Amino acid sequence: MVTVMRSEYGITAVEVLVVLAIVAILVAVAAPNLRDLITTNQVSHTATKLRLAMITARSEAIKRNAIIDIAPKTVGTVTGWENGWEVQVSSTSSVISNYDAVSGVTITRTDDATCSTASATPNAVVQYRNFGRVSNSNICFRITATDAPTSATKCVAVNPSGMAYYYIDSGTGQTCF
């Protein structure tokens, strides 16, 4: 007589539990790093949008031979850069570009080229004259995450000629200090 052996296919409950335990450990280790990565990207994205608005305003001021403003938005009764900003023609307030707010970031305007001194007028517009220069000599924006490590900080500055750039401290190599 011939005996045929059947092989069993499938997985046991113990194997499923071991795999779930390993996945849970990996998620617990990776989740904090992923949160920091997302927060850092939000800060970088906001800095990029603000710099793009400055480049757009400078270009439009030269092209239109007009004064162009970058103004913080007002939501309800609160005016602030965290609400977003608009690039607009100063004389008519017609909007050229509209930038929405990014949640989880704080934007602080400073009146020095090193982004270290808080502005006396934090919600003042950034004004580009018709030849592409800004009306204020030193403008810098410090963008920080509201709930993140200190490395999640970027600074966007404008030099007197109107060129927007990411501020980097030459001594430390950090984008802000």
N, C-alpha and C. Protein backbone atom coordinates (compact mmCIF):
# COMPACT_ATOMS: atom_id res chain seq x y z
N MET A 1 0.82 -1.17 0.00
CA MET A 1 0.00 0.00 0.00
C MET A 1 0.88 1.25 0.00
N VAL A 2 0.50 2.26 -0.76
CA VAL A 2 1.26 3.51 -0.90
C VAL A 2 0.61 4.57 -0.02
N THR A 3 1.42 5.22 0.79
CA THR A 3 0.92 6.29 1.65
C THR A 3 1.31 7.63 1.02
N VAL A 4 0.34 8.50 0.87
CA VAL A 4 0.59 9.83 0.30
C VAL A 4 0.65 10.83 1.44
N MET A 5 1.72 11.63 1.48
CA MET A 5 1.83 12.66 2.52
C MET A 5 1.28 13.97 1.97
N ARG A 6 0.45 14.56 2.77
CA ARG A 6 -0.07 15.87 2.39
C ARG A 6 0.73 16.94 3.11
N SER A 7 1.12 17.94 2.40
CA SER A 7 1.80 19.04 3.07
C SER A 7 0.78 20.13 3.38
N GLU A 8 0.92 20.70 4.54
CA GLU A 8 0.00 21.74 4.98
C GLU A 8 0.55 23.12 4.57
N TYR A 9 -0.31 23.96 4.11
CA TYR A 9 0.06 25.31 3.74
C TYR A 9 -0.64 26.27 4.68
N GLY A 10 0.02 27.40 4.94
CA GLY A 10 -0.60 28.42 5.78
C GLY A 10 0.35 28.85 6.88
N ILE A 11 -0.14 29.73 7.70
CA ILE A 11 0.66 30.22 8.81
C ILE A 11 -0.12 30.04 10.09
N THR A 12 0.61 29.95 11.16
CA THR A 12 -0.04 29.74 12.46
C THR A 12 -0.28 31.08 13.13
N ALA A 13 -1.09 31.07 14.15
CA ALA A 13 -1.40 32.27 14.91
C ALA A 13 -0.16 32.83 15.60
N VAL A 14 0.73 31.97 16.04
CA VAL A 14 1.97 32.41 16.68
C VAL A 14 2.84 33.18 15.69
N GLU A 15 2.92 32.70 14.46
CA GLU A 15 3.70 33.39 13.45
C GLU A 15 3.12 34.78 13.14
N VAL A 16 1.82 34.87 13.09
CA VAL A 16 1.16 36.16 12.86
C VAL A 16 1.47 37.12 14.00
N LEU A 17 1.41 36.66 15.24
CA LEU A 17 1.69 37.50 16.39
C LEU A 17 3.14 37.96 16.41
N VAL A 18 4.07 37.10 16.02
CA VAL A 18 5.48 37.49 15.97
C VAL A 18 5.69 38.59 14.92
N VAL A 19 5.09 38.44 13.76
CA VAL A 19 5.21 39.45 12.71
C VAL A 19 4.59 40.77 13.16
N LEU A 20 3.43 40.74 13.79
CA LEU A 20 2.79 41.96 14.29
C LEU A 20 3.65 42.64 15.35
N ALA A 21 4.28 41.87 16.20
CA ALA A 21 5.15 42.45 17.23
C ALA A 21 6.35 43.14 16.60
N ILE A 22 6.94 42.54 15.58
CA ILE A 22 8.07 43.15 14.89
C ILE A 22 7.64 44.44 14.19
N VAL A 23 6.50 44.43 13.52
CA VAL A 23 6.00 45.63 12.85
C VAL A 23 5.73 46.73 13.87
N ALA A 24 5.15 46.39 15.02
CA ALA A 24 4.87 47.39 16.05
C ALA A 24 6.15 48.02 16.58
N ILE A 25 7.18 47.23 16.75
CA ILE A 25 8.47 47.77 17.20
C ILE A 25 9.06 48.71 16.16
N LEU A 26 9.01 48.33 14.89
CA LEU A 26 9.54 49.19 13.83
C LEU A 26 8.78 50.50 13.73
N VAL A 27 7.47 50.46 13.87
CA VAL A 27 6.65 51.68 13.82
C VAL A 27 6.97 52.57 15.01
N ALA A 28 7.13 51.99 16.18
CA ALA A 28 7.45 52.78 17.38
C ALA A 28 8.80 53.48 17.25
N VAL A 29 9.74 52.84 16.59
CA VAL A 29 11.06 53.44 16.40
C VAL A 29 11.03 54.50 15.30
N ALA A 30 10.30 54.28 14.23
CA ALA A 30 10.31 55.17 13.07
C ALA A 30 9.37 56.36 13.21
N ALA A 31 8.30 56.27 13.97
CA ALA A 31 7.30 57.32 14.03
C ALA A 31 7.85 58.68 14.48
N PRO A 32 8.65 58.76 15.55
CA PRO A 32 9.16 60.08 15.93
C PRO A 32 10.04 60.71 14.85
N ASN A 33 10.87 59.92 14.19
CA ASN A 33 11.71 60.45 13.11
C ASN A 33 10.88 60.92 11.93
N LEU A 34 9.83 60.21 11.63
CA LEU A 34 8.95 60.59 10.53
C LEU A 34 8.24 61.91 10.85
N ARG A 35 7.81 62.09 12.09
CA ARG A 35 7.14 63.33 12.50
C ARG A 35 8.10 64.51 12.36
N ASP A 36 9.36 64.33 12.79
CA ASP A 36 10.35 65.40 12.66
C ASP A 36 10.63 65.71 11.20
N LEU A 37 10.67 64.69 10.36
CA LEU A 37 10.89 64.90 8.94
C LEU A 37 9.76 65.71 8.32
N ILE A 38 8.54 65.37 8.66
CA ILE A 38 7.37 66.09 8.13
C ILE A 38 7.41 67.55 8.59
N THR A 39 7.73 67.77 9.86
CA THR A 39 7.78 69.13 10.39
C THR A 39 8.88 69.95 9.71
N THR A 40 10.04 69.35 9.54
CA THR A 40 11.15 70.04 8.87
C THR A 40 10.78 70.38 7.43
N ASN A 41 10.07 69.48 6.77
CA ASN A 41 9.64 69.75 5.39
C ASN A 41 8.61 70.87 5.34
N GLN A 42 7.73 70.98 6.35
CA GLN A 42 6.76 72.08 6.39
C GLN A 42 7.48 73.42 6.50
N VAL A 43 8.52 73.48 7.34
CA VAL A 43 9.29 74.71 7.51
C VAL A 43 10.00 75.05 6.20
N SER A 44 10.64 74.08 5.58
CA SER A 44 11.35 74.32 4.31
C SER A 44 10.38 74.76 3.21
N HIS A 45 9.22 74.14 3.17
CA HIS A 45 8.22 74.48 2.17
C HIS A 45 7.74 75.93 2.35
N THR A 46 7.51 76.32 3.59
CA THR A 46 7.08 77.69 3.87
C THR A 46 8.16 78.69 3.49
N ALA A 47 9.41 78.39 3.81
CA ALA A 47 10.53 79.27 3.44
C ALA A 47 10.62 79.41 1.92
N THR A 48 10.45 78.33 1.23
CA THR A 48 10.50 78.36 -0.23
C THR A 48 9.37 79.21 -0.81
N LYS A 49 8.16 79.05 -0.26
CA LYS A 49 7.02 79.85 -0.73
C LYS A 49 7.24 81.34 -0.47
N LEU A 50 7.79 81.68 0.68
CA LEU A 50 8.03 83.08 1.00
C LEU A 50 9.10 83.67 0.08
N ARG A 51 10.15 82.92 -0.16
CA ARG A 51 11.20 83.38 -1.08
C ARG A 51 10.65 83.53 -2.50
N LEU A 52 9.80 82.60 -2.92
CA LEU A 52 9.18 82.70 -4.24
C LEU A 52 8.31 83.95 -4.34
N ALA A 53 7.59 84.28 -3.28
CA ALA A 53 6.77 85.50 -3.28
C ALA A 53 7.65 86.73 -3.44
N MET A 54 8.81 86.73 -2.80
CA MET A 54 9.72 87.88 -2.91
C MET A 54 10.29 88.00 -4.32
N ILE A 55 10.65 86.87 -4.91
CA ILE A 55 11.16 86.88 -6.28
C ILE A 55 10.08 87.37 -7.24
N THR A 56 8.85 86.89 -7.03
CA THR A 56 7.72 87.31 -7.88
C THR A 56 7.47 88.81 -7.73
N ALA A 57 7.46 89.30 -6.50
CA ALA A 57 7.20 90.73 -6.27
C ALA A 57 8.27 91.60 -6.93
N ARG A 58 9.51 91.21 -6.80
CA ARG A 58 10.61 91.99 -7.41
C ARG A 58 10.46 92.01 -8.93
N SER A 59 10.19 90.85 -9.50
CA SER A 59 10.03 90.75 -10.94
C SER A 59 8.85 91.59 -11.44
N GLU A 60 7.73 91.51 -10.72
CA GLU A 60 6.53 92.27 -11.11
C GLU A 60 6.75 93.77 -10.96
N ALA A 61 7.49 94.18 -9.93
CA ALA A 61 7.76 95.61 -9.74
C ALA A 61 8.54 96.18 -10.92
N ILE A 62 9.53 95.43 -11.37
CA ILE A 62 10.34 95.88 -12.51
C ILE A 62 9.51 95.83 -13.79
N LYS A 63 8.78 94.73 -13.99
CA LYS A 63 8.00 94.55 -15.22
C LYS A 63 6.89 95.60 -15.35
N ARG A 64 6.18 95.87 -14.25
CA ARG A 64 5.05 96.80 -14.30
C ARG A 64 5.46 98.25 -14.04
N ASN A 65 6.72 98.47 -13.64
CA ASN A 65 7.17 99.80 -13.25
C ASN A 65 6.23 100.38 -12.19
N ALA A 66 5.97 99.55 -11.18
CA ALA A 66 5.03 99.93 -10.12
C ALA A 66 5.53 99.40 -8.79
N ILE A 67 4.98 99.94 -7.71
CA ILE A 67 5.32 99.46 -6.37
C ILE A 67 4.48 98.22 -6.09
N ILE A 68 5.15 97.16 -5.66
CA ILE A 68 4.49 95.88 -5.37
C ILE A 68 4.70 95.55 -3.90
N ASP A 69 3.63 95.14 -3.25
CA ASP A 69 3.68 94.78 -1.83
C ASP A 69 3.54 93.28 -1.64
N ILE A 70 4.20 92.76 -0.61
CA ILE A 70 3.92 91.43 -0.09
C ILE A 70 3.29 91.69 1.27
N ALA A 71 2.02 91.36 1.40
CA ALA A 71 1.28 91.71 2.61
C ALA A 71 0.78 90.45 3.31
N PRO A 72 0.86 90.43 4.64
CA PRO A 72 0.30 89.29 5.36
C PRO A 72 -1.22 89.30 5.27
N LYS A 73 -1.81 88.11 5.28
CA LYS A 73 -3.27 88.00 5.18
C LYS A 73 -3.93 88.23 6.54
N THR A 74 -5.17 88.65 6.46
CA THR A 74 -5.99 88.81 7.66
C THR A 74 -7.06 87.73 7.64
N VAL A 75 -7.13 86.97 8.73
CA VAL A 75 -8.17 85.95 8.90
C VAL A 75 -8.98 86.37 10.11
N GLY A 76 -10.24 86.66 9.88
CA GLY A 76 -11.06 87.19 10.97
C GLY A 76 -10.56 88.58 11.33
N THR A 77 -10.09 88.74 12.55
CA THR A 77 -9.53 90.01 12.98
C THR A 77 -8.02 89.93 13.18
N VAL A 78 -7.42 88.78 12.84
CA VAL A 78 -6.00 88.57 13.10
C VAL A 78 -5.22 88.69 11.79
N THR A 79 -4.28 89.63 11.78
CA THR A 79 -3.37 89.78 10.64
C THR A 79 -2.03 89.18 11.03
N GLY A 80 -1.51 88.35 10.16
CA GLY A 80 -0.21 87.75 10.45
C GLY A 80 0.30 86.93 9.29
N TRP A 81 1.60 86.75 9.25
CA TRP A 81 2.24 85.98 8.18
C TRP A 81 1.86 84.52 8.25
N GLU A 82 1.49 84.02 9.45
CA GLU A 82 1.07 82.62 9.59
C GLU A 82 -0.23 82.34 8.82
N ASN A 83 -1.00 83.40 8.54
CA ASN A 83 -2.26 83.25 7.80
C ASN A 83 -2.03 83.16 6.28
N GLY A 84 -0.80 83.34 5.86
CA GLY A 84 -0.49 83.38 4.43
C GLY A 84 -0.17 84.81 4.03
N TRP A 85 0.08 85.02 2.75
CA TRP A 85 0.42 86.36 2.28
C TRP A 85 0.04 86.49 0.82
N GLU A 86 -0.02 87.75 0.37
CA GLU A 86 -0.38 88.06 -1.01
C GLU A 86 0.64 89.00 -1.61
N VAL A 87 0.91 88.80 -2.87
CA VAL A 87 1.71 89.74 -3.65
C VAL A 87 0.69 90.59 -4.40
N GLN A 88 0.76 91.92 -4.20
CA GLN A 88 -0.28 92.78 -4.77
C GLN A 88 0.31 94.10 -5.24
N VAL A 89 -0.39 94.73 -6.17
CA VAL A 89 -0.01 96.05 -6.65
C VAL A 89 -0.38 97.04 -5.56
N SER A 90 0.56 97.86 -5.14
CA SER A 90 0.35 98.75 -4.00
C SER A 90 -0.76 99.77 -4.25
N SER A 91 -0.80 100.35 -5.43
CA SER A 91 -1.75 101.43 -5.70
C SER A 91 -3.19 100.94 -5.83
N THR A 92 -3.39 99.72 -6.29
CA THR A 92 -4.75 99.22 -6.51
C THR A 92 -5.14 98.06 -5.60
N SER A 93 -4.18 97.50 -4.90
CA SER A 93 -4.38 96.31 -4.06
C SER A 93 -4.86 95.09 -4.85
N SER A 94 -4.67 95.12 -6.18
CA SER A 94 -5.05 93.95 -6.97
C SER A 94 -4.00 92.85 -6.74
N VAL A 95 -4.50 91.65 -6.48
CA VAL A 95 -3.65 90.53 -6.09
C VAL A 95 -3.01 89.90 -7.33
N ILE A 96 -1.69 89.73 -7.27
CA ILE A 96 -0.94 89.08 -8.34
C ILE A 96 -0.78 87.60 -8.01
N SER A 97 -0.37 87.31 -6.78
CA SER A 97 -0.19 85.93 -6.31
C SER A 97 -0.71 85.81 -4.90
N ASN A 98 -1.25 84.63 -4.61
CA ASN A 98 -1.84 84.36 -3.31
C ASN A 98 -1.17 83.13 -2.72
N TYR A 99 -0.69 83.24 -1.48
CA TYR A 99 0.00 82.13 -0.83
C TYR A 99 -0.75 81.78 0.45
N ASP A 100 -1.22 80.55 0.53
CA ASP A 100 -1.97 80.11 1.70
C ASP A 100 -1.05 79.78 2.86
N ALA A 101 -1.64 79.74 4.03
CA ALA A 101 -0.89 79.43 5.24
C ALA A 101 -0.49 77.96 5.26
N VAL A 102 0.59 77.70 5.97
CA VAL A 102 1.02 76.33 6.21
C VAL A 102 0.88 76.10 7.71
N SER A 103 0.14 75.08 8.08
CA SER A 103 -0.08 74.84 9.50
C SER A 103 1.19 74.33 10.17
N GLY A 104 1.32 74.65 11.45
CA GLY A 104 2.43 74.13 12.24
C GLY A 104 3.70 74.95 12.19
N VAL A 105 3.65 76.17 11.60
CA VAL A 105 4.84 77.01 11.55
C VAL A 105 4.54 78.39 12.13
N THR A 106 5.59 79.02 12.63
CA THR A 106 5.52 80.39 13.10
C THR A 106 6.46 81.21 12.23
N ILE A 107 5.98 82.36 11.76
CA ILE A 107 6.79 83.23 10.92
C ILE A 107 7.00 84.54 11.67
N THR A 108 8.27 84.87 11.92
CA THR A 108 8.62 86.09 12.65
C THR A 108 9.41 87.00 11.74
N ARG A 109 8.92 88.20 11.56
CA ARG A 109 9.64 89.18 10.74
C ARG A 109 10.64 89.91 11.63
N THR A 110 11.84 90.09 11.12
CA THR A 110 12.86 90.84 11.84
C THR A 110 13.33 92.00 10.97
N ASP A 111 13.94 92.99 11.61
CA ASP A 111 14.40 94.16 10.87
C ASP A 111 15.91 94.23 10.78
N ASP A 112 16.55 93.07 10.72
CA ASP A 112 18.00 93.06 10.54
C ASP A 112 18.37 91.92 9.60
N ALA A 113 19.52 92.01 9.04
CA ALA A 113 19.95 91.04 8.03
C ALA A 113 20.29 89.68 8.62
N THR A 114 20.45 89.59 9.94
CA THR A 114 20.83 88.31 10.55
C THR A 114 19.65 87.59 11.19
N CYS A 115 18.47 88.12 11.05
CA CYS A 115 17.26 87.48 11.58
C CYS A 115 17.28 87.33 13.10
N SER A 116 17.90 88.24 13.81
CA SER A 116 18.01 88.06 15.25
C SER A 116 17.24 89.07 16.07
N THR A 117 16.84 90.19 15.50
CA THR A 117 16.14 91.23 16.25
C THR A 117 14.69 91.29 15.80
N ALA A 118 13.75 91.08 16.71
CA ALA A 118 12.33 91.10 16.37
C ALA A 118 11.94 92.48 15.84
N SER A 119 11.03 92.49 14.90
CA SER A 119 10.60 93.73 14.27
C SER A 119 9.65 94.49 15.18
N ALA A 120 9.76 95.82 15.13
CA ALA A 120 8.81 96.67 15.85
C ALA A 120 7.45 96.64 15.17
N THR A 121 7.43 96.34 13.89
CA THR A 121 6.19 96.24 13.12
C THR A 121 6.16 94.89 12.42
N PRO A 122 5.83 93.81 13.16
CA PRO A 122 5.97 92.46 12.61
C PRO A 122 5.04 92.14 11.44
N ASN A 123 3.93 92.88 11.29
CA ASN A 123 3.01 92.60 10.20
C ASN A 123 3.08 93.63 9.08
N ALA A 124 4.15 94.41 9.06
CA ALA A 124 4.32 95.41 8.00
C ALA A 124 4.55 94.72 6.67
N VAL A 125 4.09 95.36 5.61
CA VAL A 125 4.27 94.80 4.28
C VAL A 125 5.73 94.92 3.85
N VAL A 126 6.13 94.05 2.95
CA VAL A 126 7.42 94.17 2.29
C VAL A 126 7.13 94.84 0.96
N GLN A 127 7.76 95.97 0.74
CA GLN A 127 7.43 96.77 -0.43
C GLN A 127 8.61 96.82 -1.40
N TYR A 128 8.33 96.41 -2.64
CA TYR A 128 9.32 96.48 -3.71
C TYR A 128 9.00 97.69 -4.58
N ARG A 129 10.00 98.53 -4.79
CA ARG A 129 9.81 99.71 -5.63
C ARG A 129 9.94 99.32 -7.10
N ASN A 130 9.59 100.24 -7.97
CA ASN A 130 9.52 99.94 -9.40
C ASN A 130 10.87 99.57 -10.02
N PHE A 131 11.96 99.78 -9.34
CA PHE A 131 13.26 99.38 -9.86
C PHE A 131 13.78 98.11 -9.20
N GLY A 132 12.93 97.45 -8.40
CA GLY A 132 13.27 96.14 -7.85
C GLY A 132 13.91 96.14 -6.49
N ARG A 133 14.13 97.32 -5.90
CA ARG A 133 14.72 97.39 -4.57
C ARG A 133 13.62 97.46 -3.52
N VAL A 134 13.94 96.99 -2.31
CA VAL A 134 12.96 97.06 -1.22
C VAL A 134 13.04 98.42 -0.55
N SER A 135 11.92 98.84 0.05
CA SER A 135 11.90 100.14 0.70
C SER A 135 12.61 100.11 2.05
N ASN A 136 12.65 98.95 2.70
CA ASN A 136 13.39 98.81 3.96
C ASN A 136 14.77 98.25 3.64
N SER A 137 15.75 98.61 4.43
CA SER A 137 17.10 98.16 4.10
C SER A 137 17.37 96.72 4.52
N ASN A 138 16.83 96.28 5.64
CA ASN A 138 17.08 94.92 6.10
C ASN A 138 15.77 94.25 6.50
N ILE A 139 15.47 93.17 5.85
CA ILE A 139 14.26 92.40 6.16
C ILE A 139 14.64 90.94 6.22
N CYS A 140 14.18 90.26 7.24
CA CYS A 140 14.45 88.84 7.36
C CYS A 140 13.24 88.18 8.02
N PHE A 141 12.92 86.98 7.58
CA PHE A 141 11.83 86.20 8.16
C PHE A 141 12.40 84.93 8.74
N ARG A 142 12.07 84.66 9.99
CA ARG A 142 12.48 83.42 10.66
C ARG A 142 11.26 82.50 10.68
N ILE A 143 11.39 81.35 10.05
CA ILE A 143 10.30 80.38 9.99
C ILE A 143 10.68 79.21 10.89
N THR A 144 9.88 78.97 11.90
CA THR A 144 10.15 77.88 12.84
C THR A 144 8.91 77.01 12.98
N ALA A 145 9.15 75.78 13.31
CA ALA A 145 8.04 74.86 13.58
C ALA A 145 7.51 75.15 14.97
N THR A 146 6.21 75.09 15.13
CA THR A 146 5.63 75.36 16.44
C THR A 146 5.89 74.23 17.41
N ASP A 147 6.15 73.05 16.89
CA ASP A 147 6.35 71.89 17.76
C ASP A 147 7.39 70.97 17.13
N ALA A 148 8.68 71.37 17.20
CA ALA A 148 9.70 70.57 16.53
C ALA A 148 11.08 70.87 17.11
N PRO A 149 12.07 70.12 16.68
CA PRO A 149 13.43 70.38 17.13
C PRO A 149 13.95 71.71 16.58
N THR A 150 15.02 72.22 17.18
CA THR A 150 15.56 73.52 16.76
C THR A 150 16.12 73.50 15.35
N SER A 151 16.41 72.33 14.82
CA SER A 151 16.92 72.27 13.45
C SER A 151 15.85 72.61 12.43
N ALA A 152 14.60 72.64 12.86
CA ALA A 152 13.50 72.96 11.95
C ALA A 152 13.28 74.47 11.94
N THR A 153 14.31 75.23 11.58
CA THR A 153 14.24 76.68 11.48
C THR A 153 14.93 77.11 10.20
N LYS A 154 14.27 77.99 9.47
CA LYS A 154 14.85 78.54 8.24
C LYS A 154 14.67 80.05 8.28
N CYS A 155 15.60 80.75 7.68
CA CYS A 155 15.49 82.20 7.57
C CYS A 155 15.55 82.60 6.11
N VAL A 156 14.65 83.50 5.74
CA VAL A 156 14.63 84.06 4.40
C VAL A 156 14.87 85.56 4.55
N ALA A 157 15.87 86.07 3.90
CA ALA A 157 16.23 87.47 4.02
C ALA A 157 16.17 88.16 2.66
N VAL A 158 16.07 89.49 2.72
CA VAL A 158 16.08 90.30 1.51
C VAL A 158 17.17 91.35 1.69
N ASN A 159 18.08 91.42 0.74
CA ASN A 159 19.11 92.45 0.84
C ASN A 159 18.57 93.76 0.27
N PRO A 160 19.25 94.87 0.48
CA PRO A 160 18.74 96.16 0.02
C PRO A 160 18.46 96.23 -1.49
N SER A 161 19.14 95.41 -2.27
CA SER A 161 18.88 95.43 -3.72
C SER A 161 17.63 94.65 -4.10
N GLY A 162 17.00 94.00 -3.12
CA GLY A 162 15.75 93.29 -3.37
C GLY A 162 15.90 91.80 -3.62
N MET A 163 17.12 91.30 -3.59
CA MET A 163 17.35 89.87 -3.82
C MET A 163 16.99 89.08 -2.57
N ALA A 164 16.17 88.05 -2.74
CA ALA A 164 15.77 87.18 -1.63
C ALA A 164 16.72 85.99 -1.57
N TYR A 165 17.08 85.60 -0.36
CA TYR A 165 18.00 84.48 -0.20
C TYR A 165 17.74 83.81 1.15
N TYR A 166 18.25 82.59 1.28
CA TYR A 166 18.19 81.89 2.55
C TYR A 166 19.39 82.35 3.37
N TYR A 167 19.12 82.88 4.55
CA TYR A 167 20.22 83.39 5.38
C TYR A 167 20.96 82.22 6.00
N ILE A 168 22.29 82.22 5.87
CA ILE A 168 23.14 81.20 6.49
C ILE A 168 24.24 81.92 7.25
N ASP A 169 24.36 81.62 8.54
CA ASP A 169 25.41 82.21 9.37
C ASP A 169 26.75 81.63 8.93
N SER A 170 27.67 82.49 8.49
CA SER A 170 28.95 82.01 7.98
C SER A 170 29.82 81.37 9.06
N GLY A 171 29.59 81.72 10.32
CA GLY A 171 30.40 81.14 11.40
C GLY A 171 29.99 79.71 11.74
N THR A 172 28.69 79.46 11.75
CA THR A 172 28.21 78.14 12.16
C THR A 172 27.69 77.29 11.02
N GLY A 173 27.38 77.91 9.90
CA GLY A 173 26.80 77.17 8.79
C GLY A 173 25.32 76.90 8.96
N GLN A 174 24.73 77.40 10.05
CA GLN A 174 23.30 77.20 10.30
C GLN A 174 22.50 78.23 9.50
N THR A 175 21.26 77.88 9.18
CA THR A 175 20.44 78.81 8.41
C THR A 175 19.94 79.95 9.27
N CYS A 176 19.89 79.81 10.56
CA CYS A 176 19.52 80.88 11.48
C CYS A 176 20.33 80.68 12.75
N PHE A 177 20.44 81.73 13.52
CA PHE A 177 21.10 81.53 14.80
C PHE A 177 20.36 82.24 15.90
